[in-house]
Protein backbone atom coordinates (compact mmCIF):
# COMPACT_ATOMS: atom_id res chain seq x y z
CA MET A 1 0.15 -2.99 8.74
CA TYR A 2 3.44 -4.99 8.32
CA ASN A 3 6.64 -3.90 7.90
CA GLN A 4 8.39 -7.05 7.02
CA PHE A 5 11.30 -6.73 6.28
CA PHE A 6 12.50 -3.98 8.34
CA GLY A 7 10.91 -6.38 11.44
CA ASN A 8 12.43 -9.65 10.24
CA TYR A 9 15.51 -7.03 10.47
CA LEU A 10 15.50 -6.26 13.75
CA TYR A 11 14.52 -9.21 15.05
CA SER A 12 16.81 -11.71 13.06
CA ASN A 13 19.96 -9.41 14.40
CA GLU A 14 18.19 -10.04 18.01
CA TYR A 15 17.57 -5.97 18.31
CA VAL A 16 14.24 -6.79 19.56
CA THR A 17 12.13 -9.88 20.98
CA LYS A 18 8.77 -11.11 19.04
CA GLU A 19 6.75 -9.82 21.98
CA HIS A 20 7.89 -6.41 21.54
CA LEU A 21 8.05 -6.78 17.44
CA ILE A 22 4.85 -8.28 17.82
CA SER A 23 2.86 -4.97 20.33
CA ALA A 24 4.95 -1.67 18.00
CA ILE A 25 2.91 -3.59 14.99
CA ILE A 26 -0.26 -3.09 16.52
CA ARG A 27 0.46 0.49 18.03
CA GLN A 28 2.56 1.70 14.33
CA THR A 29 -1.61 2.53 12.92
CA LYS A 30 -2.25 5.07 15.56
CA VAL A 31 1.35 6.99 15.13
CA SER A 32 2.40 9.16 12.84
CA ALA A 33 6.55 10.06 12.70
CA ARG A 34 7.95 12.68 14.29
CA ILE A 35 10.43 14.97 14.06
CA ASP A 36 13.13 14.18 16.48
CA THR A 37 12.87 10.26 14.86
CA LEU A 38 12.90 12.28 10.99
CA SER A 39 15.36 14.01 11.93
CA VAL A 40 17.84 10.95 12.06
CA TYR A 41 16.14 9.42 8.91
CA PHE A 42 16.91 12.51 7.22
CA GLY A 43 20.61 12.81 9.15
CA TYR A 44 19.33 16.58 9.50
CA MET A 45 20.83 15.48 13.38
CA SER A 46 22.55 13.41 15.01
CA ALA A 47 21.70 10.74 17.79
CA SER A 48 23.21 12.63 20.31
CA GLU A 49 21.83 16.04 19.35
CA VAL A 50 18.30 14.83 19.73
CA GLU A 51 18.78 13.41 22.92
CA HIS A 52 20.10 16.68 24.50
CA VAL A 53 16.93 18.34 22.55
CA LYS A 54 14.71 15.76 24.17
CA GLN A 55 16.99 16.58 27.70
CA LEU A 56 15.95 20.64 27.19
CA GLN A 57 12.65 19.45 26.71
CA ASN A 58 11.82 17.74 29.88
CA GLU A 59 13.32 20.19 32.03
CA GLU A 60 12.02 23.13 30.07
CA GLY A 61 8.47 22.37 28.33
CA LYS A 62 9.08 23.29 24.89
CA LYS A 63 8.67 21.94 21.69
CA PHE A 64 11.45 19.95 19.88
CA SER A 65 11.22 21.61 16.72
CA GLU A 66 11.10 25.39 18.97
CA LEU A 67 13.99 24.12 21.03
CA ALA A 68 15.75 22.08 17.50
CA ILE A 69 16.25 26.24 16.03
CA SER A 70 16.98 27.76 18.70
CA TYR A 71 20.26 25.12 19.23
CA GLY A 72 21.51 25.67 15.24
CA TYR A 73 20.30 21.80 15.09
CA LEU A 74 17.75 22.50 12.97
CA THR A 75 17.06 25.39 10.41
CA GLN A 76 13.08 26.85 10.15
CA GLU A 77 13.57 25.21 6.42
CA GLN A 78 14.29 21.99 7.55
CA VAL A 79 11.60 21.95 10.55
CA LEU A 80 9.22 22.66 7.49
CA GLU A 81 10.15 20.24 5.96
CA LEU A 82 10.19 17.31 7.53
CA LEU A 83 6.70 18.55 8.88
CA ASN A 84 5.63 17.92 5.57
CA THR A 85 7.04 15.18 4.26
CA LYS A 86 5.62 11.25 4.21
CA ALA A 87 8.04 9.65 6.47
CA PRO A 88 8.52 5.38 5.09
CA ASP A 89 6.02 3.26 7.24
CA PHE A 90 9.13 1.47 9.38
CA LEU A 91 10.02 4.45 10.39
CA THR A 92 7.32 4.88 13.14
CA LEU A 93 7.52 1.26 13.84
CA GLY A 94 11.32 1.95 15.21
CA GLN A 95 10.15 4.91 17.10
CA ILE A 96 7.96 3.39 19.00
CA LEU A 97 10.55 0.39 19.88
CA ILE A 98 12.84 3.38 20.66
CA ASP A 99 9.53 5.28 23.11
CA ASP A 100 9.90 1.12 24.90
CA GLY A 101 12.74 2.40 25.36
CA VAL A 102 14.09 -1.20 23.20
CA PHE A 103 16.85 0.75 22.29
CA SER A 104 18.19 4.82 21.94
CA TYR A 105 18.40 6.71 19.57
CA GLU A 106 22.15 6.44 18.99
CA GLN A 107 21.40 2.49 18.30
CA PHE A 108 18.41 3.30 16.77
CA GLU A 109 20.86 5.47 13.83
CA ASN A 110 23.82 2.04 13.75
CA ILE A 111 20.87 1.00 13.42
CA LEU A 112 19.55 2.60 10.27
CA THR A 113 22.94 2.12 8.35
CA ASP A 114 23.18 -0.91 8.57
CA TYR A 115 19.81 -1.18 7.27
CA ARG A 116 20.62 0.12 4.58
CA SER A 117 23.50 -1.27 3.64
CA GLN A 118 22.01 -4.25 3.67
CA SER A 119 19.17 -3.20 1.53
CA GLU A 120 21.18 -1.76 -0.92
CA LEU A 121 22.45 -5.10 -1.52
CA LEU A 122 19.64 -7.18 -1.75
CA ASP A 123 20.00 -8.22 -5.46
CA LEU A 124 23.01 -10.23 -4.25
CA GLU A 125 20.63 -12.67 -2.84
CA ILE A 126 18.84 -13.47 -5.77
CA ASP A 127 21.61 -15.74 -8.42
CA GLU A 128 22.71 -15.23 -11.95
CA GLU A 129 20.92 -18.01 -13.10
CA ASN A 130 16.86 -16.74 -11.71
CA GLN A 131 17.90 -13.48 -12.78
CA ASN A 132 18.44 -14.59 -16.02
CA GLU A 133 15.46 -17.25 -16.08
CA ILE A 134 12.79 -14.03 -14.78
CA ARG A 135 14.35 -11.68 -17.60
CA GLN A 136 14.23 -14.29 -20.16
CA LEU A 137 10.58 -15.44 -18.49
CA ILE A 138 9.36 -11.56 -18.88
CA ASP A 139 10.43 -11.13 -22.74
CA SER A 140 7.94 -14.02 -23.47
CA PHE A 141 5.36 -11.86 -21.40
CA SER A 142 6.06 -9.58 -24.87
CA LEU A 143 5.42 -11.92 -27.07
CA VAL A 144 1.45 -12.75 -25.77
CA THR A 145 0.32 -9.31 -25.45
CA GLU A 146 -1.62 -7.49 -27.39
CA TYR A 147 -0.24 -3.86 -25.86
CA ALA A 148 3.65 -4.60 -25.66
CA ILE A 149 4.12 -4.43 -21.79
CA PRO A 150 6.29 -0.85 -21.67
CA SER A 151 9.96 -0.71 -20.21
CA PHE A 152 9.12 -0.03 -16.75
CA GLY A 153 7.30 -2.15 -16.43
CA LYS A 154 9.87 -5.06 -17.08
CA ALA A 155 11.76 -3.62 -14.97
CA TYR A 156 8.86 -3.32 -12.34
CA LEU A 157 7.88 -7.38 -12.55
CA GLU A 158 11.10 -8.47 -13.16
CA LEU A 159 11.14 -7.45 -9.16
CA LEU A 160 8.20 -9.10 -8.76
CA PHE A 161 9.57 -11.91 -9.19
CA LYS A 162 12.92 -10.92 -7.69
CA ASN A 163 10.57 -10.22 -4.36
CA PHE A 164 8.58 -13.67 -4.68
CA VAL A 165 11.95 -15.71 -4.54
CA ARG A 166 12.62 -13.47 -1.89
CA TYR A 167 10.20 -13.33 0.70
CA ILE A 168 7.51 -16.10 -0.42
CA GLY A 169 9.90 -18.67 -2.17
CA GLU A 170 11.25 -20.20 -5.84
CA ASP A 171 8.80 -22.83 -6.10
CA PHE A 172 6.30 -20.41 -8.25
CA THR A 173 5.19 -21.13 -12.61
CA ALA A 174 4.26 -17.23 -13.67
CA LEU A 175 1.79 -18.37 -16.58
CA PRO A 176 1.71 -15.49 -20.17
CA PRO A 177 -0.55 -12.96 -19.51
CA SER A 178 -3.95 -11.68 -21.01
CA LEU A 179 -5.70 -8.53 -21.25
CA CYS A 180 -8.80 -7.79 -19.47
CA ASN A 181 -11.61 -5.33 -18.86
CA GLU A 182 -12.94 -6.88 -15.37
CA PHE A 183 -11.85 -8.75 -12.22
CA ALA A 184 -13.94 -10.47 -9.71
CA THR A 185 -11.23 -9.59 -7.13
CA GLU A 186 -11.37 -12.62 -4.24
CA HIS A 187 -9.05 -11.29 -1.46
CA CYS A 188 -7.46 -8.49 -2.82
CA VAL A 189 -5.01 -4.65 -2.15
CA SER A 190 -4.50 -2.50 -4.81
CA GLN A 191 -2.21 0.65 -4.78
CA THR A 192 -1.17 3.76 -6.92
CA ILE A 193 2.29 4.60 -8.09
CA ASN A 194 2.06 7.57 -9.20
CA GLY A 195 4.73 9.62 -11.05
CA ASN A 196 6.23 9.96 -14.98
CA TYR A 197 3.62 7.53 -15.60
CA VAL A 198 0.26 6.32 -13.24
CA VAL A 199 0.00 2.59 -12.41
CA ASN A 200 -2.05 0.56 -10.65
CA THR A 201 -1.51 -2.04 -9.29
CA TYR A 202 -3.30 -5.26 -7.62
CA LEU A 203 -2.47 -8.81 -5.62
CA ASN A 204 -5.23 -10.93 -5.29
CA MET A 205 -5.74 -14.82 -4.34
CA SER A 206 -8.18 -17.11 -2.10
CA GLU A 207 -8.44 -17.38 1.56
CA GLU A 208 -6.75 -20.57 1.67
CA THR A 209 -4.04 -19.01 -0.74
CA SER A 210 -3.80 -15.54 1.42
CA ILE A 211 -3.33 -17.68 4.36
CA ALA A 212 -0.25 -19.91 3.01
CA PHE A 213 0.96 -16.53 1.28
CA ALA A 214 0.93 -14.70 5.00
CA GLU A 215 2.22 -17.66 6.81
CA ARG A 216 5.65 -17.83 4.00
CA TYR A 217 5.78 -14.31 4.50
CA SER A 218 6.03 -13.21 8.03
CA ASN A 219 7.05 -16.90 9.57
CA GLU A 220 3.48 -17.29 11.27
CA SER A 221 0.98 -20.04 11.55
CA TYR A 222 -2.47 -18.76 10.63
CA ASP A 223 -6.11 -20.90 11.07
CA SER A 224 -7.80 -18.44 9.55
CA TYR A 225 -7.97 -15.52 7.02
CA ASP A 226 -8.04 -12.51 9.71
CA GLU A 227 -6.29 -8.78 9.97
CA TYR A 228 -2.76 -10.13 10.61
CA VAL A 229 -3.15 -12.19 7.36
CA ALA A 230 -5.13 -9.32 5.30
CA ALA A 231 -1.77 -7.25 7.10
CA ALA A 232 1.00 -9.25 5.10
CA LEU A 233 -0.49 -8.83 1.44
CA GLU A 234 -1.09 -4.75 2.55
CA ASP A 235 3.00 -5.21 3.12
CA PHE A 236 3.95 -7.43 0.53
CA ILE A 237 2.92 -5.41 -2.04
CA ASN A 238 3.93 -2.10 -0.17
CA LEU A 239 7.20 -2.88 0.37
CA HIS A 240 7.49 -4.75 -3.59
CA ASN A 241 6.04 -0.77 -4.83
CA GLY A 242 8.59 0.57 -2.38
CA LEU A 243 11.74 -0.83 -3.31
CA PHE A 244 9.88 -0.05 -7.29
CA ILE A 245 10.42 3.86 -6.56
CA VAL A 246 13.38 3.79 -5.27
CA ASN A 247 15.06 1.61 -7.78
CA ALA A 248 13.55 4.23 -10.62
CA SER A 249 15.26 7.17 -9.02
CA ASN A 250 18.07 5.68 -8.70
CA ASP A 251 18.17 3.62 -11.91
CA PHE A 252 16.07 5.85 -14.34
CA SER A 253 16.17 9.74 -11.96
CA ASN A 254 11.76 8.54 -12.08
CA GLU A 255 10.37 10.15 -9.06
CA LEU A 256 7.26 8.00 -8.29
CA SER A 257 4.93 8.21 -5.42
CA LEU A 258 3.25 5.72 -3.75
CA GLY A 259 -0.86 5.94 -3.75
CA THR A 260 -1.97 4.24 -0.27
CA LEU A 261 -3.02 0.22 -0.37
CA ALA A 262 -7.08 0.00 -1.16
CA PRO A 263 -8.75 -3.68 -0.13
CA HIS A 264 -11.36 -4.85 -3.14
CA ASP A 265 -12.04 -8.13 -1.74
CA ASN A 266 -15.21 -9.91 -3.68
CA ASN A 267 -15.78 -7.22 -5.31
CA ILE A 268 -15.88 -6.78 -9.60
CA ILE A 269 -13.02 -4.12 -10.97
CA THR A 270 -13.88 -2.93 -13.76
CA PHE A 271 -10.45 -1.55 -16.00
CA GLU A 272 -10.48 1.54 -18.21
CA HIS A 273 -7.41 1.35 -19.57
CA PRO A 274 -4.20 -1.41 -20.71
CA THR A 275 -4.55 -3.94 -17.55
CA TYR A 276 -2.30 -6.80 -17.52
CA ILE A 277 -3.33 -9.97 -15.00
CA PHE A 278 -0.62 -12.24 -15.03
CA PRO A 279 -1.35 -15.99 -12.95
CA VAL A 280 1.62 -17.04 -10.49
CA TYR A 281 1.21 -20.25 -9.44
CA TYR A 282 2.79 -21.51 -6.25
CA PRO A 283 1.39 -24.49 -4.65
CA PHE A 284 -0.37 -23.47 -2.11
CA GLY A 285 -2.33 -21.49 -4.62
CA ILE A 286 -2.94 -19.16 -7.64
CA ILE A 287 -2.00 -15.38 -7.31
CA HIS A 288 -2.87 -13.17 -9.90
CA PHE A 289 -0.85 -9.89 -10.14
CA ILE A 290 -2.61 -7.21 -11.39
CA MET A 291 -1.01 -4.25 -13.53
CA GLU A 292 -2.82 -1.11 -14.62
CA VAL A 293 -1.59 1.20 -16.78
CA VAL A 294 -3.45 4.35 -16.93
CA SER A 295 -1.08 7.37 -18.27
CA LEU A 296 3.11 6.90 -19.62
């Protein structure tokens, strides 16, 4: 799966070459985040402390966690916490690049600081005129649906349309949503948001639209629908949902988590709960975003 925002951040800031980035992305699904990388990410250890323990590992052949505890860098409780922590997907991308010698732990520590700072300023990329238009659009949706869109749904949609502007382009038209009980998919990926409420989210489009969507999202060219195109769809919904749960935690103290991504190509999905379909028209085709509100 792509980590498009982080990958583009690394590439645009010349931390990596295109070849290094593609090589790391290809291998990313086969690795998981280690304690050394997690320790830097969560601020439990500095980069220099991690480098020290890694050097000791080479000399003594002991486990990283064992050495980190013995030198007082980590506690037993912190090690257990890290072992049971679900790391953000982009972290493994950074870990692979460290292992490849593309940058050091110290450089990665600085990259994380800059990346987090830039991520917190994403809303500044959307001008006030666009923000007002998005809010008005979402308010109009509530007037045409049998079930009122919940408050979190409005926040979710506002971010969704902002992310369409950011990553795909602002030349879209969103038509009013409709309610449905079932939907015939083409190329479709879903992800569940769990927590104070449970919502199933789906992104669906045709093969031709998927290719054009992926080209805009990744700034690459594709001759046909392949695993890279599918990965771009997956990464967009995963990135968007990830940003949403961060906002929900910061703005509303809602603690949410993401389920795994699931494909639903050429299938008929039946919904048991209030479900909204939002058609989004781009010049290159129609995107159907689907939101099933399972529980509140």
